[in-house]
Amino acid sequence: MTSTGPFTLREVAQMTGFSLRSLQEGCRAGTIEHNPKGIGTRRVHRVMTAEQVRKLQEARARGVTVAPSEQPAPAPRPNVSALDEARARTRAGLARRVPRRRVA
């Protein structure tokens, strides 16, 4: 790194070997330290200083995940048979579509 920055995310991706997409996702999620550039409402530009790029490279060397691209794992489901699950879905669907009629 010869320059002191600020570097765009595209330049950081070329220097570090990360994909541009993973850097963007990490910045959005708050897992990658960066500086927003400008006050535009339509488009946010992100830049990184040489120190931030160095920290990112050190984190990569330690094996720290950069950007979580997957959603958190869903909560474990209780043991329910497939038949009980199908019955519950059917009941829920019928309850939404057809009001119960009362026999007089």
PDB file of N, CA and C in Angstrom:
ATOM      1  N   MET A   1       0.834  -1.159   0.000  1.00  0.00           N
ATOM      2  CA  MET A   1       0.000   0.000   0.000  1.00  0.00           C
ATOM      3  C   MET A   1       0.891   1.239   0.000  1.00  0.00           C
ATOM      4  N   THR A   2       0.915   1.945  -1.068  1.00  0.00           N
ATOM      5  CA  THR A   2       1.773   3.111  -1.150  1.00  0.00           C
ATOM      6  C   THR A   2       1.022   4.374  -0.761  1.00  0.00           C
ATOM      7  N   SER A   3      -0.247   4.437  -1.032  1.00  0.00           N
ATOM      8  CA  SER A   3      -1.042   5.615  -0.733  1.00  0.00           C
ATOM      9  C   SER A   3      -1.668   5.484   0.657  1.00  0.00           C
ATOM     10  N   THR A   4      -2.066   6.605   1.216  1.00  0.00           N
ATOM     11  CA  THR A   4      -2.686   6.589   2.541  1.00  0.00           C
ATOM     12  C   THR A   4      -4.205   6.643   2.466  1.00  0.00           C
ATOM     13  N   GLY A   5      -4.765   6.682   1.287  1.00  0.00           N
ATOM     14  CA  GLY A   5      -6.220   6.624   1.130  1.00  0.00           C
ATOM     15  C   GLY A   5      -6.817   8.006   1.022  1.00  0.00           C
ATOM     16  N   PRO A   6      -8.069   8.143   1.062  1.00  0.00           N
ATOM     17  CA  PRO A   6      -9.062   7.093   1.272  1.00  0.00           C
ATOM     18  C   PRO A   6      -9.245   6.235   0.023  1.00  0.00           C
ATOM     19  N   PHE A   7      -9.581   4.978   0.257  1.00  0.00           N
ATOM     20  CA  PHE A   7      -9.766   4.018  -0.828  1.00  0.00           C
ATOM     21  C   PHE A   7     -11.238   3.697  -0.973  1.00  0.00           C
ATOM     22  N   THR A   8     -11.684   3.557  -2.208  1.00  0.00           N
ATOM     23  CA  THR A   8     -13.057   3.109  -2.436  1.00  0.00           C
ATOM     24  C   THR A   8     -13.120   1.614  -2.164  1.00  0.00           C
ATOM     25  N   LEU A   9     -14.328   1.089  -2.018  1.00  0.00           N
ATOM     26  CA  LEU A   9     -14.467  -0.346  -1.773  1.00  0.00           C
ATOM     27  C   LEU A   9     -13.942  -1.170  -2.945  1.00  0.00           C
ATOM     28  N   ARG A  10     -14.082  -0.645  -4.141  1.00  0.00           N
ATOM     29  CA  ARG A  10     -13.551  -1.350  -5.320  1.00  0.00           C
ATOM     30  C   ARG A  10     -12.034  -1.472  -5.237  1.00  0.00           C
ATOM     31  N   GLU A  11     -11.362  -0.396  -4.822  1.00  0.00           N
ATOM     32  CA  GLU A  11      -9.913  -0.432  -4.669  1.00  0.00           C
ATOM     33  C   GLU A  11      -9.499  -1.378  -3.534  1.00  0.00           C
ATOM     34  N   VAL A  12     -10.266  -1.360  -2.448  1.00  0.00           N
ATOM     35  CA  VAL A  12      -9.969  -2.248  -1.319  1.00  0.00           C
ATOM     36  C   VAL A  12     -10.123  -3.706  -1.757  1.00  0.00           C
ATOM     37  N   ALA A  13     -11.141  -3.989  -2.555  1.00  0.00           N
ATOM     38  CA  ALA A  13     -11.349  -5.358  -3.041  1.00  0.00           C
ATOM     39  C   ALA A  13     -10.159  -5.809  -3.886  1.00  0.00           C
ATOM     40  N   GLN A  14      -9.640  -4.940  -4.716  1.00  0.00           N
ATOM     41  CA  GLN A  14      -8.490  -5.288  -5.548  1.00  0.00           C
ATOM     42  C   GLN A  14      -7.235  -5.501  -4.707  1.00  0.00           C
ATOM     43  N   MET A  15      -7.069  -4.690  -3.650  1.00  0.00           N
ATOM     44  CA  MET A  15      -5.870  -4.790  -2.813  1.00  0.00           C
ATOM     45  C   MET A  15      -5.894  -6.027  -1.914  1.00  0.00           C
ATOM     46  N   THR A  16      -7.078  -6.371  -1.388  1.00  0.00           N
ATOM     47  CA  THR A  16      -7.157  -7.421  -0.374  1.00  0.00           C
ATOM     48  C   THR A  16      -7.553  -8.785  -0.913  1.00  0.00           C
ATOM     49  N   GLY A  17      -8.202  -8.813  -2.063  1.00  0.00           N
ATOM     50  CA  GLY A  17      -8.654 -10.087  -2.601  1.00  0.00           C
ATOM     51  C   GLY A  17     -10.076 -10.439  -2.190  1.00  0.00           C
ATOM     52  N   PHE A  18     -10.706  -9.598  -1.365  1.00  0.00           N
ATOM     53  CA  PHE A  18     -12.118  -9.806  -1.034  1.00  0.00           C
ATOM     54  C   PHE A  18     -12.969  -9.449  -2.242  1.00  0.00           C
ATOM     55  N   SER A  19     -14.151 -10.020  -2.294  1.00  0.00           N
ATOM     56  CA  SER A  19     -15.051  -9.606  -3.364  1.00  0.00           C
ATOM     57  C   SER A  19     -15.701  -8.279  -2.982  1.00  0.00           C
ATOM     58  N   LEU A  20     -16.044  -7.503  -3.988  1.00  0.00           N
ATOM     59  CA  LEU A  20     -16.695  -6.221  -3.748  1.00  0.00           C
ATOM     60  C   LEU A  20     -18.009  -6.425  -3.015  1.00  0.00           C
ATOM     61  N   ARG A  21     -18.730  -7.466  -3.393  1.00  0.00           N
ATOM     62  CA  ARG A  21     -20.022  -7.747  -2.767  1.00  0.00           C
ATOM     63  C   ARG A  21     -19.879  -8.029  -1.274  1.00  0.00           C
ATOM     64  N   SER A  22     -18.880  -8.821  -0.893  1.00  0.00           N
ATOM     65  CA  SER A  22     -18.708  -9.140   0.525  1.00  0.00           C
ATOM     66  C   SER A  22     -18.320  -7.896   1.324  1.00  0.00           C
ATOM     67  N   LEU A  23     -17.539  -7.004   0.716  1.00  0.00           N
ATOM     68  CA  LEU A  23     -17.208  -5.754   1.392  1.00  0.00           C
ATOM     69  C   LEU A  23     -18.446  -4.885   1.577  1.00  0.00           C
ATOM     70  N   GLN A  24     -19.280  -4.797   0.550  1.00  0.00           N
ATOM     71  CA  GLN A  24     -20.505  -3.998   0.642  1.00  0.00           C
ATOM     72  C   GLN A  24     -21.431  -4.562   1.717  1.00  0.00           C
ATOM     73  N   GLU A  25     -21.594  -5.885   1.726  1.00  0.00           N
ATOM     74  CA  GLU A  25     -22.466  -6.507   2.727  1.00  0.00           C
ATOM     75  C   GLU A  25     -21.916  -6.308   4.133  1.00  0.00           C
ATOM     76  N   GLY A  26     -20.608  -6.429   4.288  1.00  0.00           N
ATOM     77  CA  GLY A  26     -19.996  -6.230   5.593  1.00  0.00           C
ATOM     78  C   GLY A  26     -20.156  -4.804   6.095  1.00  0.00           C
ATOM     79  N   CYS A  27     -20.036  -3.850   5.192  1.00  0.00           N
ATOM     80  CA  CYS A  27     -20.228  -2.445   5.582  1.00  0.00           C
ATOM     81  C   CYS A  27     -21.678  -2.190   5.986  1.00  0.00           C
ATOM     82  N   ARG A  28     -22.618  -2.729   5.207  1.00  0.00           N
ATOM     83  CA  ARG A  28     -24.038  -2.564   5.544  1.00  0.00           C
ATOM     84  C   ARG A  28     -24.371  -3.196   6.886  1.00  0.00           C
ATOM     85  N   ALA A  29     -23.802  -4.375   7.139  1.00  0.00           N
ATOM     86  CA  ALA A  29     -24.093  -5.102   8.373  1.00  0.00           C
ATOM     87  C   ALA A  29     -23.350  -4.526   9.571  1.00  0.00           C
ATOM     88  N   GLY A  30     -22.324  -3.711   9.319  1.00  0.00           N
ATOM     89  CA  GLY A  30     -21.564  -3.117  10.400  1.00  0.00           C
ATOM     90  C   GLY A  30     -20.399  -3.968  10.877  1.00  0.00           C
ATOM     91  N   THR A  31     -20.059  -5.019  10.137  1.00  0.00           N
ATOM     92  CA  THR A  31     -18.944  -5.870  10.544  1.00  0.00           C
ATOM     93  C   THR A  31     -17.609  -5.401   9.979  1.00  0.00           C
ATOM     94  N   ILE A  32     -17.649  -4.486   9.014  1.00  0.00           N
ATOM     95  CA  ILE A  32     -16.424  -3.923   8.443  1.00  0.00           C
ATOM     96  C   ILE A  32     -16.424  -2.423   8.721  1.00  0.00           C
ATOM     97  N   GLU A  33     -15.345  -1.964   9.337  1.00  0.00           N
ATOM     98  CA  GLU A  33     -15.216  -0.547   9.657  1.00  0.00           C
ATOM     99  C   GLU A  33     -14.966   0.236   8.372  1.00  0.00           C
ATOM    100  N   HIS A  34     -15.719   1.319   8.183  1.00  0.00           N
ATOM    101  CA  HIS A  34     -15.571   2.146   6.988  1.00  0.00           C
ATOM    102  C   HIS A  34     -16.030   3.556   7.308  1.00  0.00           C
ATOM    103  N   ASN A  35     -15.863   4.461   6.354  1.00  0.00           N
ATOM    104  CA  ASN A  35     -16.310   5.843   6.502  1.00  0.00           C
ATOM    105  C   ASN A  35     -17.290   6.160   5.388  1.00  0.00           C
ATOM    106  N   PRO A  36     -18.507   6.595   5.715  1.00  0.00           N
ATOM    107  CA  PRO A  36     -19.422   7.007   4.654  1.00  0.00           C
ATOM    108  C   PRO A  36     -18.923   8.318   4.043  1.00  0.00           C
ATOM    109  N   LYS A  37     -19.104   8.452   2.752  1.00  0.00           N
ATOM    110  CA  LYS A  37     -18.624   9.637   2.052  1.00  0.00           C
ATOM    111  C   LYS A  37     -19.827  10.383   1.484  1.00  0.00           C
ATOM    112  N   GLY A  38     -19.932  11.641   1.799  1.00  0.00           N
ATOM    113  CA  GLY A  38     -21.022  12.449   1.284  1.00  0.00           C
ATOM    114  C   GLY A  38     -22.280  12.294   2.127  1.00  0.00           C
ATOM    115  N   ILE A  39     -23.281  13.108   1.804  1.00  0.00           N
ATOM    116  CA  ILE A  39     -24.533  13.068   2.558  1.00  0.00           C
ATOM    117  C   ILE A  39     -25.716  12.782   1.637  1.00  0.00           C
ATOM    118  N   GLY A  40     -25.443  12.192   0.494  1.00  0.00           N
ATOM    119  CA  GLY A  40     -26.503  11.916  -0.468  1.00  0.00           C
ATOM    120  C   GLY A  40     -27.552  10.974   0.091  1.00  0.00           C
ATOM    121  N   THR A  41     -28.784  11.167  -0.333  1.00  0.00           N
ATOM    122  CA  THR A  41     -29.861  10.310   0.146  1.00  0.00           C
ATOM    123  C   THR A  41     -30.117   9.149  -0.803  1.00  0.00           C
ATOM    124  N   ARG A  42     -29.713   9.252  -2.053  1.00  0.00           N
ATOM    125  CA  ARG A  42     -29.993   8.200  -3.011  1.00  0.00           C
ATOM    126  C   ARG A  42     -28.907   7.140  -3.041  1.00  0.00           C
ATOM    127  N   ARG A  43     -27.674   7.515  -2.805  1.00  0.00           N
ATOM    128  CA  ARG A  43     -26.582   6.558  -2.921  1.00  0.00           C
ATOM    129  C   ARG A  43     -25.547   6.834  -1.847  1.00  0.00           C
ATOM    130  N   VAL A  44     -25.145   5.802  -1.164  1.00  0.00           N
ATOM    131  CA  VAL A  44     -24.143   5.958  -0.115  1.00  0.00           C
ATOM    132  C   VAL A  44     -22.806   5.484  -0.659  1.00  0.00           C
ATOM    133  N   HIS A  45     -21.820   6.348  -0.569  1.00  0.00           N
ATOM    134  CA  HIS A  45     -20.470   5.988  -0.989  1.00  0.00           C
ATOM    135  C   HIS A  45     -19.674   5.654   0.258  1.00  0.00           C
ATOM    136  N   ARG A  46     -18.907   4.601   0.199  1.00  0.00           N
ATOM    137  CA  ARG A  46     -18.109   4.177   1.345  1.00  0.00           C
ATOM    138  C   ARG A  46     -16.642   4.186   0.964  1.00  0.00           C
ATOM    139  N   VAL A  47     -15.818   4.680   1.874  1.00  0.00           N
ATOM    140  CA  VAL A  47     -14.368   4.681   1.669  1.00  0.00           C
ATOM    141  C   VAL A  47     -13.711   4.125   2.923  1.00  0.00           C
ATOM    142  N   MET A  48     -12.475   3.683   2.771  1.00  0.00           N
ATOM    143  CA  MET A  48     -11.714   3.143   3.893  1.00  0.00           C
ATOM    144  C   MET A  48     -10.333   3.777   3.907  1.00  0.00           C
ATOM    145  N   THR A  49      -9.831   4.042   5.097  1.00  0.00           N
ATOM    146  CA  THR A  49      -8.480   4.573   5.240  1.00  0.00           C
ATOM    147  C   THR A  49      -7.492   3.409   5.186  1.00  0.00           C
ATOM    148  N   ALA A  50      -6.205   3.752   5.101  1.00  0.00           N
ATOM    149  CA  ALA A  50      -5.176   2.715   5.054  1.00  0.00           C
ATOM    150  C   ALA A  50      -5.184   1.898   6.347  1.00  0.00           C
ATOM    151  N   GLU A  51      -5.458   2.535   7.475  1.00  0.00           N
ATOM    152  CA  GLU A  51      -5.511   1.834   8.761  1.00  0.00           C
ATOM    153  C   GLU A  51      -6.674   0.829   8.783  1.00  0.00           C
ATOM    154  N   GLN A  52      -7.819   1.219   8.249  1.00  0.00           N
ATOM    155  CA  GLN A  52      -8.969   0.317   8.200  1.00  0.00           C
ATOM    156  C   GLN A  52      -8.698  -0.872   7.285  1.00  0.00           C
ATOM    157  N   VAL A  53      -8.004  -0.632   6.184  1.00  0.00           N
ATOM    158  CA  VAL A  53      -7.653  -1.724   5.269  1.00  0.00           C
ATOM    159  C   VAL A  53      -6.684  -2.684   5.956  1.00  0.00           C
ATOM    160  N   ARG A  54      -5.722  -2.132   6.710  1.00  0.00           N
ATOM    161  CA  ARG A  54      -4.763  -2.967   7.435  1.00  0.00           C
ATOM    162  C   ARG A  54      -5.487  -3.849   8.456  1.00  0.00           C
ATOM    163  N   LYS A  55      -6.445  -3.268   9.193  1.00  0.00           N
ATOM    164  CA  LYS A  55      -7.214  -4.042  10.171  1.00  0.00           C
ATOM    165  C   LYS A  55      -8.013  -5.153   9.475  1.00  0.00           C
ATOM    166  N   LEU A  56      -8.551  -4.847   8.308  1.00  0.00           N
ATOM    167  CA  LEU A  56      -9.314  -5.836   7.552  1.00  0.00           C
ATOM    168  C   LEU A  56      -8.414  -6.993   7.132  1.00  0.00           C
ATOM    169  N   GLN A  57      -7.203  -6.693   6.677  1.00  0.00           N
ATOM    170  CA  GLN A  57      -6.270  -7.739   6.268  1.00  0.00           C
ATOM    171  C   GLN A  57      -5.821  -8.579   7.465  1.00  0.00           C
ATOM    172  N   GLU A  58      -5.637  -7.950   8.615  1.00  0.00           N
ATOM    173  CA  GLU A  58      -5.273  -8.700   9.816  1.00  0.00           C
ATOM    174  C   GLU A  58      -6.407  -9.629  10.242  1.00  0.00           C
ATOM    175  N   ALA A  59      -7.637  -9.145  10.142  1.00  0.00           N
ATOM    176  CA  ALA A  59      -8.791  -9.981  10.493  1.00  0.00           C
ATOM    177  C   ALA A  59      -8.881 -11.169   9.547  1.00  0.00           C
ATOM    178  N   ARG A  60      -8.569 -10.945   8.280  1.00  0.00           N
ATOM    179  CA  ARG A  60      -8.608 -12.039   7.311  1.00  0.00           C
ATOM    180  C   ARG A  60      -7.532 -13.076   7.638  1.00  0.00           C
ATOM    181  N   ALA A  61      -6.354 -12.599   8.066  1.00  0.00           N
ATOM    182  CA  ALA A  61      -5.277 -13.521   8.412  1.00  0.00           C
ATOM    183  C   ALA A  61      -5.641 -14.378   9.628  1.00  0.00           C
ATOM    184  N   ARG A  62      -6.431 -13.807  10.544  1.00  0.00           N
ATOM    185  CA  ARG A  62      -6.883 -14.555  11.723  1.00  0.00           C
ATOM    186  C   ARG A  62      -8.040 -15.492  11.392  1.00  0.00           C
ATOM    187  N   GLY A  63      -8.643 -15.321  10.225  1.00  0.00           N
ATOM    188  CA  GLY A  63      -9.748 -16.184   9.830  1.00  0.00           C
ATOM    189  C   GLY A  63     -11.110 -15.673  10.261  1.00  0.00           C
ATOM    190  N   VAL A  64     -11.212 -14.376  10.535  1.00  0.00           N
ATOM    191  CA  VAL A  64     -12.488 -13.796  10.950  1.00  0.00           C
ATOM    192  C   VAL A  64     -13.390 -13.664   9.729  1.00  0.00           C
ATOM    193  N   THR A  65     -14.638 -14.020   9.888  1.00  0.00           N
ATOM    194  CA  THR A  65     -15.602 -13.883   8.797  1.00  0.00           C
ATOM    195  C   THR A  65     -15.829 -12.412   8.520  1.00  0.00           C
ATOM    196  N   VAL A  66     -15.849 -12.073   7.235  1.00  0.00           N
ATOM    197  CA  VAL A  66     -15.986 -10.669   6.866  1.00  0.00           C
ATOM    198  C   VAL A  66     -17.426 -10.234   6.852  1.00  0.00           C
ATOM    199  N   ALA A  67     -18.244 -10.889   6.083  1.00  0.00           N
ATOM    200  CA  ALA A  67     -19.627 -10.448   5.951  1.00  0.00           C
ATOM    201  C   ALA A  67     -20.549 -11.639   6.020  1.00  0.00           C
ATOM    202  N   PRO A  68     -21.444 -11.642   6.955  1.00  0.00           N
ATOM    203  CA  PRO A  68     -22.375 -12.753   7.008  1.00  0.00           C
ATOM    204  C   PRO A  68     -23.371 -12.660   5.872  1.00  0.00           C
ATOM    205  N   SER A  69     -23.284 -13.560   4.912  1.00  0.00           N
ATOM    206  CA  SER A  69     -24.216 -13.502   3.799  1.00  0.00           C
ATOM    207  C   SER A  69     -25.449 -14.333   4.043  1.00  0.00           C
ATOM    208  N   GLU A  70     -25.444 -15.114   5.082  1.00  0.00           N
ATOM    209  CA  GLU A  70     -26.614 -15.943   5.362  1.00  0.00           C
ATOM    210  C   GLU A  70     -27.390 -15.374   6.533  1.00  0.00           C
ATOM    211  N   GLN A  71     -28.662 -15.607   6.534  1.00  0.00           N
ATOM    212  CA  GLN A  71     -29.508 -15.208   7.653  1.00  0.00           C
ATOM    213  C   GLN A  71     -29.207 -16.108   8.841  1.00  0.00           C
ATOM    214  N   PRO A  72     -29.517 -15.647  10.059  1.00  0.00           N
ATOM    215  CA  PRO A  72     -29.297 -16.514  11.210  1.00  0.00           C
ATOM    216  C   PRO A  72     -30.119 -17.788  11.098  1.00  0.00           C
ATOM    217  N   ALA A  73     -29.617 -18.838  11.681  1.00  0.00           N
ATOM    218  CA  ALA A  73     -30.307 -20.123  11.605  1.00  0.00           C
ATOM    219  C   ALA A  73     -31.654 -20.033  12.315  1.00  0.00           C
ATOM    220  N   PRO A  74     -32.687 -20.642  11.751  1.00  0.00           N
ATOM    221  CA  PRO A  74     -33.994 -20.597  12.404  1.00  0.00           C
ATOM    222  C   PRO A  74     -33.972 -21.379  13.717  1.00  0.00           C
ATOM    223  N   ALA A  75     -34.898 -21.033  14.588  1.00  0.00           N
ATOM    224  CA  ALA A  75     -34.989 -21.715  15.878  1.00  0.00           C
ATOM    225  C   ALA A  75     -35.338 -23.178  15.654  1.00  0.00           C
ATOM    226  N   PRO A  76     -34.825 -24.063  16.490  1.00  0.00           N
ATOM    227  CA  PRO A  76     -35.149 -25.486  16.317  1.00  0.00           C
ATOM    228  C   PRO A  76     -36.642 -25.728  16.509  1.00  0.00           C
ATOM    229  N   ARG A  77     -37.188 -26.571  15.660  1.00  0.00           N
ATOM    230  CA  ARG A  77     -38.615 -26.862  15.704  1.00  0.00           C
ATOM    231  C   ARG A  77     -38.881 -28.036  16.630  1.00  0.00           C
ATOM    232  N   PRO A  78     -40.011 -28.003  17.305  1.00  0.00           N
ATOM    233  CA  PRO A  78     -40.337 -29.142  18.156  1.00  0.00           C
ATOM    234  C   PRO A  78     -40.630 -30.366  17.290  1.00  0.00           C
ATOM    235  N   ASN A  79     -40.527 -31.539  17.890  1.00  0.00           N
ATOM    236  CA  ASN A  79     -40.793 -32.767  17.145  1.00  0.00           C
ATOM    237  C   ASN A  79     -42.280 -32.866  16.838  1.00  0.00           C
ATOM    238  N   VAL A  80     -42.610 -32.636  15.596  1.00  0.00           N
ATOM    239  CA  VAL A  80     -43.990 -32.717  15.134  1.00  0.00           C
ATOM    240  C   VAL A  80     -43.992 -33.616  13.910  1.00  0.00           C
ATOM    241  N   SER A  81     -44.946 -34.516  13.876  1.00  0.00           N
ATOM    242  CA  SER A  81     -44.988 -35.418  12.727  1.00  0.00           C
ATOM    243  C   SER A  81     -45.433 -34.649  11.486  1.00  0.00           C
ATOM    244  N   ALA A  82     -45.111 -35.181  10.339  1.00  0.00           N
ATOM    245  CA  ALA A  82     -45.481 -34.542   9.080  1.00  0.00           C
ATOM    246  C   ALA A  82     -46.996 -34.460   8.946  1.00  0.00           C
ATOM    247  N   LEU A  83     -47.704 -35.464   9.449  1.00  0.00           N
ATOM    248  CA  LEU A  83     -49.160 -35.465   9.373  1.00  0.00           C
ATOM    249  C   LEU A  83     -49.752 -34.348  10.231  1.00  0.00           C
ATOM    250  N   ASP A  84     -49.245 -34.167  11.448  1.00  0.00           N
ATOM    251  CA  ASP A  84     -49.738 -33.093  12.312  1.00  0.00           C
ATOM    252  C   ASP A  84     -49.437 -31.715  11.712  1.00  0.00           C
ATOM    253  N   GLU A  85     -48.277 -31.615  11.090  1.00  0.00           N
ATOM    254  CA  GLU A  85     -47.913 -30.353  10.455  1.00  0.00           C
ATOM    255  C   GLU A  85     -48.839 -30.045   9.284  1.00  0.00           C
ATOM    256  N   ALA A  86     -49.156 -31.035   8.481  1.00  0.00           N
ATOM    257  CA  ALA A  86     -50.069 -30.842   7.345  1.00  0.00           C
ATOM    258  C   ALA A  86     -51.462 -30.468   7.841  1.00  0.00           C
ATOM    259  N   ARG A  87     -51.916 -31.103   8.908  1.00  0.00           N
ATOM    260  CA  ARG A  87     -53.237 -30.762   9.463  1.00  0.00           C
ATOM    261  C   ARG A  87     -53.273 -29.316   9.936  1.00  0.00           C
ATOM    262  N   ALA A  88     -52.216 -28.883  10.595  1.00  0.00           N
ATOM    263  CA  ALA A  88     -52.172 -27.511  11.100  1.00  0.00           C
ATOM    264  C   ALA A  88     -52.189 -26.504   9.953  1.00  0.00           C
ATOM    265  N   ARG A  89     -51.443 -26.777   8.869  1.00  0.00           N
ATOM    266  CA  ARG A  89     -51.452 -25.882   7.713  1.00  0.00           C
ATOM    267  C   ARG A  89     -52.822 -25.830   7.070  1.00  0.00           C
ATOM    268  N   THR A  90     -53.486 -26.967   6.956  1.00  0.00           N
ATOM    269  CA  THR A  90     -54.821 -27.009   6.354  1.00  0.00           C
ATOM    270  C   THR A  90     -55.804 -26.208   7.196  1.00  0.00           C
ATOM    271  N   ARG A  91     -55.765 -26.418   8.504  1.00  0.00           N
ATOM    272  CA  ARG A  91     -56.670 -25.671   9.387  1.00  0.00           C
ATOM    273  C   ARG A  91     -56.419 -24.169   9.296  1.00  0.00           C
ATOM    274  N   ALA A  92     -55.172 -23.778   9.270  1.00  0.00           N
ATOM    275  CA  ALA A  92     -54.849 -22.354   9.184  1.00  0.00           C
ATOM    276  C   ALA A  92     -55.332 -21.768   7.856  1.00  0.00           C
ATOM    277  N   GLY A  93     -55.160 -22.513   6.775  1.00  0.00           N
ATOM    278  CA  GLY A  93     -55.609 -22.035   5.466  1.00  0.00           C
ATOM    279  C   GLY A  93     -57.114 -21.915   5.385  1.00  0.00           C
ATOM    280  N   LEU A  94     -57.815 -22.892   5.929  1.00  0.00           N
ATOM    281  CA  LEU A  94     -59.274 -22.846   5.908  1.00  0.00           C
ATOM    282  C   LEU A  94     -59.789 -21.730   6.797  1.00  0.00           C
ATOM    283  N   ALA A  95     -59.159 -21.499   7.893  1.00  0.00           N
ATOM    284  CA  ALA A  95     -59.599 -20.446   8.799  1.00  0.00           C
ATOM    285  C   ALA A  95     -59.464 -19.075   8.144  1.00  0.00           C
ATOM    286  N   ARG A  96     -58.489 -18.913   7.284  1.00  0.00           N
ATOM    287  CA  ARG A  96     -58.311 -17.626   6.606  1.00  0.00           C
ATOM    288  C   ARG A  96     -59.334 -17.430   5.498  1.00  0.00           C
ATOM    289  N   ARG A  97     -59.665 -18.496   4.789  1.00  0.00           N
ATOM    290  CA  ARG A  97     -60.481 -18.353   3.586  1.00  0.00           C
ATOM    291  C   ARG A  97     -61.979 -18.477   3.819  1.00  0.00           C
ATOM    292  N   VAL A  98     -62.388 -19.391   4.653  1.00  0.00           N
ATOM    293  CA  VAL A  98     -63.819 -19.702   4.763  1.00  0.00           C
ATOM    294  C   VAL A  98     -64.301 -19.394   6.184  1.00  0.00           C
ATOM    295  N   PRO A  99     -65.201 -18.443   6.320  1.00  0.00           N
ATOM    296  CA  PRO A  99     -65.734 -18.207   7.652  1.00  0.00           C
ATOM    297  C   PRO A  99     -66.588 -19.414   8.081  1.00  0.00           C
ATOM    298  N   ARG A 100     -66.585 -19.706   9.325  1.00  0.00           N
ATOM    299  CA  ARG A 100     -67.357 -20.831   9.846  1.00  0.00           C
ATOM    300  C   ARG A 100     -68.837 -20.489   9.822  1.00  0.00           C
ATOM    301  N   ARG A 101     -69.629 -21.421   9.289  1.00  0.00           N
ATOM    302  CA  ARG A 101     -71.083 -21.216   9.220  1.00  0.00           C
ATOM    303  C   ARG A 101     -71.750 -21.916  10.387  1.00  0.00           C
ATOM    304  N   ARG A 102     -72.685 -21.234  10.944  1.00  0.00           N
ATOM    305  CA  ARG A 102     -73.408 -21.820  12.053  1.00  0.00           C
ATOM    306  C   ARG A 102     -74.703 -22.436  11.564  1.00  0.00           C
ATOM    307  N   VAL A 103     -74.984 -23.590  12.050  1.00  0.00           N
ATOM    308  CA  VAL A 103     -76.230 -24.269  11.689  1.00  0.00           C
ATOM    309  C   VAL A 103     -77.267 -23.855  12.710  1.00  0.00           C
ATOM    310  N   ALA A 104     -78.394 -23.344  12.216  1.00  0.00           N
ATOM    311  CA  ALA A 104     -79.433 -22.858  13.132  1.00  0.00           C
ATOM    312  C   ALA A 104     -80.360 -23.932  13.606  1.00  0.00           C
TER     313      ALA A 104
END
